[in-house]
Amino acid sequence: MIYPANSRVFCFVHMAKTIAIQGGYGAFHEIAAHHFFKDDEIRILPRNTFRDMVTTLKDRRCDFGIMAIENSLAGSIIPNYNLIINTSMHIIGEIYLRIKQNLVAMTGVKLEQLKEVFSLPMAILQCQDYFDAHPDIRLIESIDTALSAREIAEKKMKDTGAISSRLAAEKYGLDILAESIETNKKNYTRFLILAENGFNIPPSEVNKASVYFTVAHKFGSLSKILSILSYYEINLAKIQSMPIPGKDWEYMFYVDVEIGDHDMYKKSLEAIRPFTPSL
């Protein structure tokens, strides 16, 4: 797996940590957790949904959570932005993970025996070209790649396959019928490392931040804010618009900004505050 050298933004004291993930053991979230925390001792706490994972973190039943936020092929996971915004979660790091999708099945099962393949909708989307060449296989959406693999193993389903990681196949004793079936081999997912409110990173260690704001429904409202950020030499790594519930055609904006000077970053937030109803 490939991840950038600056993916860790804070050095943690070496101690066992509990990491809540969406999905089962062997999910890509688990792989990302091991890469981010590297040699630290961690315990994976699987959760069926992202909302369950966030609730677990809010209730302090784990130390950190890990959440996929966007894929280089399938795009942003909009509901996850809303989960972060509507809770007190803090983003304390990120990691980019190369995603290799595999077609897995029970030992001894051949490709031509498969009638159905289960997996997460995003995983299916990433592998659509492969299955276009196998039109007799019915694709069925599930809540997770690894949980799909586990169900096949537990129920000994001999005419059903799953799209999953190699780690999931190994954990549940499944064979890989076809390796790396994703359409685009430059298939990356960005994962956020989340902590409950109160986890502080020293300003000197901060090199990126995520900010969300709303704008008045007036001509030029967004461009004013972007111009101010530019004036303070704040580079925008990403900007994502999302509709505001109950307000037709009004939007909030979620931006990732790269920080070279923390004081300039703080000044830029104060400068844009008068131009946004919510920051």
C-alpha atoms as a PDB file:
ATOM      1  CA  MET A   1       0.000   0.000   0.000  1.00  0.00           C
ATOM      2  CA  ILE A   2       1.209   3.545  -0.734  1.00  0.00           C
ATOM      3  CA  TYR A   3       0.698   6.512   1.542  1.00  0.00           C
ATOM      4  CA  PRO A   4       2.320   9.963   1.654  1.00  0.00           C
ATOM      5  CA  ALA A   5       5.179  10.693   4.007  1.00  0.00           C
ATOM      6  CA  ASN A   6       3.225  13.511   5.677  1.00  0.00           C
ATOM      7  CA  SER A   7       0.071  11.476   6.256  1.00  0.00           C
ATOM      8  CA  ARG A   8       0.676  11.460  10.037  1.00  0.00           C
ATOM      9  CA  VAL A   9       0.315  14.917  11.485  1.00  0.00           C
ATOM     10  CA  PHE A  10       0.991  14.098  15.127  1.00  0.00           C
ATOM     11  CA  CYS A  11       3.247  11.747  17.074  1.00  0.00           C
ATOM     12  CA  PHE A  12       1.295   9.707  19.611  1.00  0.00           C
ATOM     13  CA  VAL A  13       2.687   8.247  22.815  1.00  0.00           C
ATOM     14  CA  HIS A  14       3.171   4.507  22.333  1.00  0.00           C
ATOM     15  CA  MET A  15       0.276   2.748  24.020  1.00  0.00           C
ATOM     16  CA  ALA A  16      -2.521   0.439  22.958  1.00  0.00           C
ATOM     17  CA  LYS A  17      -5.260   2.308  21.097  1.00  0.00           C
ATOM     18  CA  THR A  18      -8.763   1.232  20.151  1.00  0.00           C
ATOM     19  CA  ILE A  19      -9.705   2.258  16.611  1.00  0.00           C
ATOM     20  CA  ALA A  20     -13.347   2.159  15.519  1.00  0.00           C
ATOM     21  CA  ILE A  21     -13.854   1.428  11.830  1.00  0.00           C
ATOM     22  CA  GLN A  22     -16.796   1.079   9.497  1.00  0.00           C
ATOM     23  CA  GLY A  23     -16.922  -2.493   8.279  1.00  0.00           C
ATOM     24  CA  GLY A  24     -15.652  -5.860   9.409  1.00  0.00           C
ATOM     25  CA  TYR A  25     -12.204  -7.238  10.109  1.00  0.00           C
ATOM     26  CA  GLY A  26     -10.208  -7.098   6.893  1.00  0.00           C
ATOM     27  CA  ALA A  27     -11.952  -3.984   5.587  1.00  0.00           C
ATOM     28  CA  PHE A  28      -9.877  -1.318   3.876  1.00  0.00           C
ATOM     29  CA  HIS A  29     -10.518   0.844   6.944  1.00  0.00           C
ATOM     30  CA  GLU A  30      -8.534  -1.671   9.007  1.00  0.00           C
ATOM     31  CA  ILE A  31      -5.690  -1.637   6.483  1.00  0.00           C
ATOM     32  CA  ALA A  32      -5.648   2.174   6.567  1.00  0.00           C
ATOM     33  CA  ALA A  33      -5.607   2.136  10.379  1.00  0.00           C
ATOM     34  CA  HIS A  34      -2.546  -0.122  10.478  1.00  0.00           C
ATOM     35  CA  HIS A  35      -0.703   2.097   7.997  1.00  0.00           C
ATOM     36  CA  PHE A  36      -1.545   5.319   9.798  1.00  0.00           C
ATOM     37  CA  PHE A  37      -0.670   4.128  13.295  1.00  0.00           C
ATOM     38  CA  LYS A  38       2.263   2.124  11.929  1.00  0.00           C
ATOM     39  CA  ASP A  39       4.072   0.342  14.752  1.00  0.00           C
ATOM     40  CA  ASP A  40       1.654   1.411  17.481  1.00  0.00           C
ATOM     41  CA  GLU A  41      -0.342  -1.308  19.187  1.00  0.00           C
ATOM     42  CA  ILE A  42      -3.957  -0.984  18.072  1.00  0.00           C
ATOM     43  CA  ARG A  43      -7.203  -2.865  18.579  1.00  0.00           C
ATOM     44  CA  ILE A  44      -9.765  -2.733  15.776  1.00  0.00           C
ATOM     45  CA  LEU A  45     -13.397  -2.199  16.765  1.00  0.00           C
ATOM     46  CA  PRO A  46     -15.680  -2.990  13.781  1.00  0.00           C
ATOM     47  CA  ARG A  47     -18.968  -1.114  13.294  1.00  0.00           C
ATOM     48  CA  ASN A  48     -21.599  -1.706  10.626  1.00  0.00           C
ATOM     49  CA  THR A  49     -22.106   1.932   9.588  1.00  0.00           C
ATOM     50  CA  PHE A  50     -20.252   5.223   9.689  1.00  0.00           C
ATOM     51  CA  ARG A  51     -22.908   6.606  12.024  1.00  0.00           C
ATOM     52  CA  ASP A  52     -22.279   3.700  14.415  1.00  0.00           C
ATOM     53  CA  MET A  53     -18.561   4.419  14.271  1.00  0.00           C
ATOM     54  CA  VAL A  54     -19.059   8.114  15.086  1.00  0.00           C
ATOM     55  CA  THR A  55     -21.446   7.250  17.953  1.00  0.00           C
ATOM     56  CA  THR A  56     -18.852   4.862  19.382  1.00  0.00           C
ATOM     57  CA  LEU A  57     -16.275   7.651  19.295  1.00  0.00           C
ATOM     58  CA  LYS A  58     -18.661  10.195  20.844  1.00  0.00           C
ATOM     59  CA  ASP A  59     -19.449   7.761  23.660  1.00  0.00           C
ATOM     60  CA  ARG A  60     -15.684   7.363  24.252  1.00  0.00           C
ATOM     61  CA  ARG A  61     -15.777   3.617  23.681  1.00  0.00           C
ATOM     62  CA  CYS A  62     -12.711   3.961  21.458  1.00  0.00           C
ATOM     63  CA  ASP A  63      -9.730   6.289  21.153  1.00  0.00           C
ATOM     64  CA  PHE A  64      -9.986   7.172  17.465  1.00  0.00           C
ATOM     65  CA  GLY A  65     -12.210   6.559  14.478  1.00  0.00           C
ATOM     66  CA  ILE A  66     -11.309   6.199  10.831  1.00  0.00           C
ATOM     67  CA  MET A  67     -13.594   7.284   8.015  1.00  0.00           C
ATOM     68  CA  ALA A  68     -13.369   7.125   4.220  1.00  0.00           C
ATOM     69  CA  ILE A  69     -14.199  10.571   2.828  1.00  0.00           C
ATOM     70  CA  GLU A  70     -13.491  10.369  -0.899  1.00  0.00           C
ATOM     71  CA  ASN A  71     -12.335   8.038  -3.640  1.00  0.00           C
ATOM     72  CA  SER A  72     -10.309   9.090  -6.652  1.00  0.00           C
ATOM     73  CA  LEU A  73     -12.764   7.341  -8.997  1.00  0.00           C
ATOM     74  CA  ALA A  74     -16.153   7.462  -7.265  1.00  0.00           C
ATOM     75  CA  GLY A  75     -15.778  10.924  -5.707  1.00  0.00           C
ATOM     76  CA  SER A  76     -16.788  12.325  -2.322  1.00  0.00           C
ATOM     77  CA  ILE A  77     -18.867  10.487   0.266  1.00  0.00           C
ATOM     78  CA  ILE A  78     -21.238  13.369   1.029  1.00  0.00           C
ATOM     79  CA  PRO A  79     -23.073  11.777   4.013  1.00  0.00           C
ATOM     80  CA  ASN A  80     -19.745  11.486   5.815  1.00  0.00           C
ATOM     81  CA  TYR A  81     -19.112  15.224   5.515  1.00  0.00           C
ATOM     82  CA  ASN A  82     -22.452  15.802   7.207  1.00  0.00           C
ATOM     83  CA  LEU A  83     -21.586  13.334   9.986  1.00  0.00           C
ATOM     84  CA  ILE A  84     -18.424  15.279  10.786  1.00  0.00           C
ATOM     85  CA  ILE A  85     -20.145  18.674  10.599  1.00  0.00           C
ATOM     86  CA  ASN A  86     -23.056  17.657  12.814  1.00  0.00           C
ATOM     87  CA  THR A  87     -20.883  16.212  15.599  1.00  0.00           C
ATOM     88  CA  SER A  88     -17.899  17.411  17.596  1.00  0.00           C
ATOM     89  CA  MET A  89     -15.420  15.247  15.724  1.00  0.00           C
ATOM     90  CA  HIS A  90     -11.941  16.632  15.091  1.00  0.00           C
ATOM     91  CA  ILE A  91      -9.830  15.519  12.149  1.00  0.00           C
ATOM     92  CA  ILE A  92      -6.336  14.798  13.456  1.00  0.00           C
ATOM     93  CA  GLY A  93      -4.816  13.153  10.381  1.00  0.00           C
ATOM     94  CA  GLU A  94      -5.427  11.580   6.999  1.00  0.00           C
ATOM     95  CA  ILE A  95      -4.054   8.810   4.836  1.00  0.00           C
ATOM     96  CA  TYR A  96      -4.345   7.950   1.143  1.00  0.00           C
ATOM     97  CA  LEU A  97      -4.585   4.229   0.454  1.00  0.00           C
ATOM     98  CA  ARG A  98      -4.233   2.455  -2.878  1.00  0.00           C
ATOM     99  CA  ILE A  99      -7.341   0.277  -3.190  1.00  0.00           C
ATOM    100  CA  LYS A 100      -6.961  -3.131  -4.833  1.00  0.00           C
ATOM    101  CA  GLN A 101     -10.282  -4.897  -5.237  1.00  0.00           C
ATOM    102  CA  ASN A 102     -10.378  -8.693  -5.573  1.00  0.00           C
ATOM    103  CA  LEU A 103     -13.096 -11.166  -6.513  1.00  0.00           C
ATOM    104  CA  VAL A 104     -13.190 -13.757  -3.721  1.00  0.00           C
ATOM    105  CA  ALA A 105     -15.162 -16.950  -3.134  1.00  0.00           C
ATOM    106  CA  MET A 106     -15.174 -20.231  -1.196  1.00  0.00           C
ATOM    107  CA  THR A 107     -12.196 -22.523  -1.749  1.00  0.00           C
ATOM    108  CA  GLY A 108     -12.654 -24.620  -4.883  1.00  0.00           C
ATOM    109  CA  VAL A 109     -15.361 -22.447  -6.417  1.00  0.00           C
ATOM    110  CA  LYS A 110     -14.747 -21.490 -10.056  1.00  0.00           C
ATOM    111  CA  LEU A 111     -15.599 -18.159 -11.676  1.00  0.00           C
ATOM    112  CA  GLU A 112     -18.175 -19.784 -13.971  1.00  0.00           C
ATOM    113  CA  GLN A 113     -20.073 -21.094 -10.931  1.00  0.00           C
ATOM    114  CA  LEU A 114     -20.810 -17.649  -9.548  1.00  0.00           C
ATOM    115  CA  LYS A 115     -24.365 -16.369  -9.866  1.00  0.00           C
ATOM    116  CA  GLU A 116     -24.109 -13.382  -7.538  1.00  0.00           C
ATOM    117  CA  VAL A 117     -21.419 -11.074  -6.166  1.00  0.00           C
ATOM    118  CA  PHE A 118     -21.927  -8.926  -3.072  1.00  0.00           C
ATOM    119  CA  SER A 119     -20.089  -5.769  -2.105  1.00  0.00           C
ATOM    120  CA  LEU A 120     -20.236  -2.136  -1.092  1.00  0.00           C
ATOM    121  CA  PRO A 121     -21.809   0.074  -3.823  1.00  0.00           C
ATOM    122  CA  MET A 122     -18.584   2.074  -4.201  1.00  0.00           C
ATOM    123  CA  ALA A 123     -16.563  -1.134  -4.662  1.00  0.00           C
ATOM    124  CA  ILE A 124     -19.001  -2.342  -7.323  1.00  0.00           C
ATOM    125  CA  LEU A 125     -18.708   0.993  -9.108  1.00  0.00           C
ATOM    126  CA  GLN A 126     -14.915   0.716  -9.076  1.00  0.00           C
ATOM    127  CA  CYS A 127     -15.086  -2.737 -10.716  1.00  0.00           C
ATOM    128  CA  GLN A 128     -17.915  -2.190 -13.184  1.00  0.00           C
ATOM    129  CA  ASP A 129     -15.850  -2.831 -16.321  1.00  0.00           C
ATOM    130  CA  TYR A 130     -14.788  -6.255 -15.048  1.00  0.00           C
ATOM    131  CA  PHE A 131     -18.371  -7.331 -14.448  1.00  0.00           C
ATOM    132  CA  ASP A 132     -19.542  -5.895 -17.760  1.00  0.00           C
ATOM    133  CA  ALA A 133     -17.469  -8.734 -19.237  1.00  0.00           C
ATOM    134  CA  HIS A 134     -19.375 -11.221 -17.033  1.00  0.00           C
ATOM    135  CA  PRO A 135     -23.022 -10.228 -17.571  1.00  0.00           C
ATOM    136  CA  ASP A 136     -24.371 -13.479 -16.066  1.00  0.00           C
ATOM    137  CA  ILE A 137     -23.185 -12.455 -12.601  1.00  0.00           C
ATOM    138  CA  ARG A 138     -25.742 -10.412 -10.669  1.00  0.00           C
ATOM    139  CA  LEU A 139     -24.241  -7.624  -8.573  1.00  0.00           C
ATOM    140  CA  ILE A 140     -25.850  -7.048  -5.172  1.00  0.00           C
ATOM    141  CA  GLU A 141     -25.099  -4.078  -2.916  1.00  0.00           C
ATOM    142  CA  SER A 142     -24.123  -4.694   0.712  1.00  0.00           C
ATOM    143  CA  ILE A 143     -22.922  -2.541   3.605  1.00  0.00           C
ATOM    144  CA  ASP A 144     -19.262  -3.539   3.463  1.00  0.00           C
ATOM    145  CA  THR A 145     -16.634  -5.423   1.465  1.00  0.00           C
ATOM    146  CA  ALA A 146     -15.213  -7.397   4.384  1.00  0.00           C
ATOM    147  CA  LEU A 147     -18.614  -8.236   5.876  1.00  0.00           C
ATOM    148  CA  SER A 148     -19.653  -9.616   2.482  1.00  0.00           C
ATOM    149  CA  ALA A 149     -16.608 -11.881   2.497  1.00  0.00           C
ATOM    150  CA  ARG A 150     -17.360 -12.995   6.056  1.00  0.00           C
ATOM    151  CA  GLU A 151     -20.960 -13.880   5.211  1.00  0.00           C
ATOM    152  CA  ILE A 152     -19.872 -16.072   2.306  1.00  0.00           C
ATOM    153  CA  ALA A 153     -17.434 -17.925   4.566  1.00  0.00           C
ATOM    154  CA  GLU A 154     -19.885 -18.344   7.447  1.00  0.00           C
ATOM    155  CA  LYS A 155     -22.775 -19.512   5.255  1.00  0.00           C
ATOM    156  CA  LYS A 156     -20.533 -21.518   2.894  1.00  0.00           C
ATOM    157  CA  MET A 157     -22.168 -19.909  -0.156  1.00  0.00           C
ATOM    158  CA  LYS A 158     -20.772 -21.781  -3.171  1.00  0.00           C
ATOM    159  CA  ASP A 159     -22.455 -19.815  -5.947  1.00  0.00           C
ATOM    160  CA  THR A 160     -21.736 -16.380  -4.479  1.00  0.00           C
ATOM    161  CA  GLY A 161     -18.669 -14.192  -4.494  1.00  0.00           C
ATOM    162  CA  ALA A 162     -17.625 -10.899  -2.961  1.00  0.00           C
ATOM    163  CA  ILE A 163     -15.432  -7.954  -3.845  1.00  0.00           C
ATOM    164  CA  SER A 164     -12.974  -7.434  -1.004  1.00  0.00           C
ATOM    165  CA  SER A 165      -9.407  -6.814   0.070  1.00  0.00           C
ATOM    166  CA  ARG A 166      -6.764  -9.532   0.134  1.00  0.00           C
ATOM    167  CA  LEU A 167      -6.688  -9.173   3.926  1.00  0.00           C
ATOM    168  CA  ALA A 168     -10.398 -10.044   4.162  1.00  0.00           C
ATOM    169  CA  ALA A 169      -9.896 -13.099   1.943  1.00  0.00           C
ATOM    170  CA  GLU A 170      -7.077 -14.278   4.211  1.00  0.00           C
ATOM    171  CA  LYS A 171      -9.014 -13.647   7.419  1.00  0.00           C
ATOM    172  CA  TYR A 172     -12.074 -15.609   6.265  1.00  0.00           C
ATOM    173  CA  GLY A 173     -10.272 -18.392   4.365  1.00  0.00           C
ATOM    174  CA  LEU A 174     -11.512 -17.475   0.887  1.00  0.00           C
ATOM    175  CA  ASP A 175      -9.821 -17.904  -2.484  1.00  0.00           C
ATOM    176  CA  ILE A 176      -9.057 -14.971  -4.766  1.00  0.00           C
ATOM    177  CA  LEU A 177     -10.580 -15.801  -8.167  1.00  0.00           C
ATOM    178  CA  ALA A 178      -9.452 -12.565  -9.816  1.00  0.00           C
ATOM    179  CA  GLU A 179      -6.969 -10.073  -8.412  1.00  0.00           C
ATOM    180  CA  SER A 180      -7.025  -6.277  -8.785  1.00  0.00           C
ATOM    181  CA  ILE A 181     -10.271  -6.096 -10.773  1.00  0.00           C
ATOM    182  CA  GLU A 182     -10.761  -2.344 -10.262  1.00  0.00           C
ATOM    183  CA  THR A 183     -11.148  -0.519 -13.581  1.00  0.00           C
ATOM    184  CA  ASN A 184      -8.527   2.129 -12.891  1.00  0.00           C
ATOM    185  CA  LYS A 185      -5.319   0.984 -11.238  1.00  0.00           C
ATOM    186  CA  LYS A 186      -4.773   4.472  -9.786  1.00  0.00           C
ATOM    187  CA  ASN A 187      -7.637   3.859  -7.389  1.00  0.00           C
ATOM    188  CA  TYR A 188      -7.088   5.682  -4.101  1.00  0.00           C
ATOM    189  CA  THR A 189      -9.320   6.380  -1.119  1.00  0.00           C
ATOM    190  CA  ARG A 190      -8.651   9.173   1.353  1.00  0.00           C
ATOM    191  CA  PHE A 191      -9.369   8.259   4.974  1.00  0.00           C
ATOM    192  CA  LEU A 192      -9.730  10.735   7.840  1.00  0.00           C
ATOM    193  CA  ILE A 193      -8.544   9.951  11.364  1.00  0.00           C
ATOM    194  CA  LEU A 194     -11.103  11.291  13.852  1.00  0.00           C
ATOM    195  CA  ALA A 195     -10.901  12.152  17.537  1.00  0.00           C
ATOM    196  CA  GLU A 196     -13.525  13.401  19.961  1.00  0.00           C
ATOM    197  CA  ASN A 197     -13.666  17.099  20.804  1.00  0.00           C
ATOM    198  CA  GLY A 198     -10.861  18.039  23.165  1.00  0.00           C
ATOM    199  CA  PHE A 199      -7.983  16.307  21.372  1.00  0.00           C
ATOM    200  CA  ASN A 200      -5.490  19.109  20.742  1.00  0.00           C
ATOM    201  CA  ILE A 201      -2.633  19.146  18.256  1.00  0.00           C
ATOM    202  CA  PRO A 202       0.144  21.715  18.848  1.00  0.00           C
ATOM    203  CA  PRO A 203      -0.078  24.501  16.219  1.00  0.00           C
ATOM    204  CA  SER A 204       3.480  23.757  15.123  1.00  0.00           C
ATOM    205  CA  GLU A 205       2.354  20.260  14.056  1.00  0.00           C
ATOM    206  CA  VAL A 206      -0.648  21.414  12.018  1.00  0.00           C
ATOM    207  CA  ASN A 207      -0.194  21.482   8.228  1.00  0.00           C
ATOM    208  CA  LYS A 208      -3.800  21.117   7.084  1.00  0.00           C
ATOM    209  CA  ALA A 209      -7.278  21.985   8.341  1.00  0.00           C
ATOM    210  CA  SER A 210     -10.874  21.406   7.334  1.00  0.00           C
ATOM    211  CA  VAL A 211     -13.312  24.307   7.576  1.00  0.00           C
ATOM    212  CA  TYR A 212     -16.984  24.570   6.710  1.00  0.00           C
ATOM    213  CA  PHE A 213     -19.070  27.691   6.289  1.00  0.00           C
ATOM    214  CA  THR A 214     -22.357  28.919   4.869  1.00  0.00           C
ATOM    215  CA  VAL A 215     -22.767  31.951   2.634  1.00  0.00           C
ATOM    216  CA  ALA A 216     -25.555  34.474   2.267  1.00  0.00           C
ATOM    217  CA  HIS A 217     -27.756  33.943  -0.773  1.00  0.00           C
ATOM    218  CA  LYS A 218     -26.280  36.990  -2.489  1.00  0.00           C
ATOM    219  CA  PHE A 219     -24.256  37.631  -5.621  1.00  0.00           C
ATOM    220  CA  GLY A 220     -20.511  37.189  -5.047  1.00  0.00           C
ATOM    221  CA  SER A 221     -20.758  35.839  -1.476  1.00  0.00           C
ATOM    222  CA  LEU A 222     -18.511  32.834  -2.085  1.00  0.00           C
ATOM    223  CA  SER A 223     -15.995  34.709  -4.217  1.00  0.00           C
ATOM    224  CA  LYS A 224     -15.447  37.240  -1.392  1.00  0.00           C
ATOM    225  CA  ILE A 225     -14.501  34.484   1.036  1.00  0.00           C
ATOM    226  CA  LEU A 226     -12.211  32.767  -1.460  1.00  0.00           C
ATOM    227  CA  SER A 227     -10.518  36.084  -2.235  1.00  0.00           C
ATOM    228  CA  ILE A 228      -9.851  36.693   1.468  1.00  0.00           C
ATOM    229  CA  LEU A 229      -8.316  33.220   1.857  1.00  0.00           C
ATOM    230  CA  SER A 230      -6.140  33.915  -1.170  1.00  0.00           C
ATOM    231  CA  TYR A 231      -5.028  37.243   0.331  1.00  0.00           C
ATOM    232  CA  TYR A 232      -3.832  35.420   3.443  1.00  0.00           C
ATOM    233  CA  GLU A 233      -1.983  32.903   1.231  1.00  0.00           C
ATOM    234  CA  ILE A 234      -4.192  30.002   2.283  1.00  0.00           C
ATOM    235  CA  ASN A 235      -4.128  27.266  -0.344  1.00  0.00           C
ATOM    236  CA  LEU A 236      -7.359  25.345  -0.920  1.00  0.00           C
ATOM    237  CA  ALA A 237      -6.703  21.623  -1.365  1.00  0.00           C
ATOM    238  CA  LYS A 238     -10.411  20.831  -1.817  1.00  0.00           C
ATOM    239  CA  ILE A 239     -13.763  22.577  -1.900  1.00  0.00           C
ATOM    240  CA  GLN A 240     -17.031  20.673  -1.586  1.00  0.00           C
ATOM    241  CA  SER A 241     -20.511  22.197  -1.748  1.00  0.00           C
ATOM    242  CA  MET A 242     -23.474  20.649   0.061  1.00  0.00           C
ATOM    243  CA  PRO A 243     -27.127  21.731   0.161  1.00  0.00           C
ATOM    244  CA  ILE A 244     -28.454  23.184   3.411  1.00  0.00           C
ATOM    245  CA  PRO A 245     -31.451  21.104   4.556  1.00  0.00           C
ATOM    246  CA  GLY A 246     -34.677  23.105   4.474  1.00  0.00           C
ATOM    247  CA  LYS A 247     -33.191  25.966   2.447  1.00  0.00           C
ATOM    248  CA  ASP A 248     -33.757  25.440  -1.249  1.00  0.00           C
ATOM    249  CA  TRP A 249     -30.748  26.224  -3.457  1.00  0.00           C
ATOM    250  CA  GLU A 250     -28.624  27.431  -0.554  1.00  0.00           C
ATOM    251  CA  TYR A 251     -25.343  25.718   0.195  1.00  0.00           C
ATOM    252  CA  MET A 252     -22.669  25.192   2.792  1.00  0.00           C
ATOM    253  CA  PHE A 253     -19.077  24.762   1.732  1.00  0.00           C
ATOM    254  CA  TYR A 254     -16.494  22.397   3.154  1.00  0.00           C
ATOM    255  CA  VAL A 255     -12.888  23.276   2.355  1.00  0.00           C
ATOM    256  CA  ASP A 256      -9.565  21.644   3.100  1.00  0.00           C
ATOM    257  CA  VAL A 257      -6.827  24.241   3.476  1.00  0.00           C
ATOM    258  CA  GLU A 258      -3.082  23.756   3.574  1.00  0.00           C
ATOM    259  CA  ILE A 259      -1.332  25.695   6.331  1.00  0.00           C
ATOM    260  CA  GLY A 260       2.165  27.094   6.108  1.00  0.00           C
ATOM    261  CA  ASP A 261       1.802  29.775   8.785  1.00  0.00           C
ATOM    262  CA  HIS A 262      -0.630  29.006  11.623  1.00  0.00           C
ATOM    263  CA  ASP A 263      -1.016  32.672  12.616  1.00  0.00           C
ATOM    264  CA  MET A 264      -1.988  33.603   9.058  1.00  0.00           C
ATOM    265  CA  TYR A 265      -4.502  30.765   9.061  1.00  0.00           C
ATOM    266  CA  LYS A 266      -6.133  32.035  12.272  1.00  0.00           C
ATOM    267  CA  LYS A 267      -6.221  35.594  10.895  1.00  0.00           C
ATOM    268  CA  SER A 268      -7.860  34.374   7.692  1.00  0.00           C
ATOM    269  CA  LEU A 269     -10.690  32.766   9.682  1.00  0.00           C
ATOM    270  CA  GLU A 270     -11.324  36.007  11.549  1.00  0.00           C
ATOM    271  CA  ALA A 271     -11.293  37.910   8.259  1.00  0.00           C
ATOM    272  CA  ILE A 272     -13.958  35.723   6.623  1.00  0.00           C
ATOM    273  CA  ARG A 273     -16.177  35.495   9.720  1.00  0.00           C
ATOM    274  CA  PRO A 274     -18.165  38.705   8.939  1.00  0.00           C
ATOM    275  CA  PHE A 275     -19.075  37.325   5.512  1.00  0.00           C
ATOM    276  CA  THR A 276     -20.574  34.014   6.632  1.00  0.00           C
ATOM    277  CA  PRO A 277     -23.589  33.290   8.843  1.00  0.00           C
ATOM    278  CA  SER A 278     -21.881  30.139  10.111  1.00  0.00           C
ATOM    279  CA  LEU A 279     -18.210  29.175  10.377  1.00  0.00           C
END
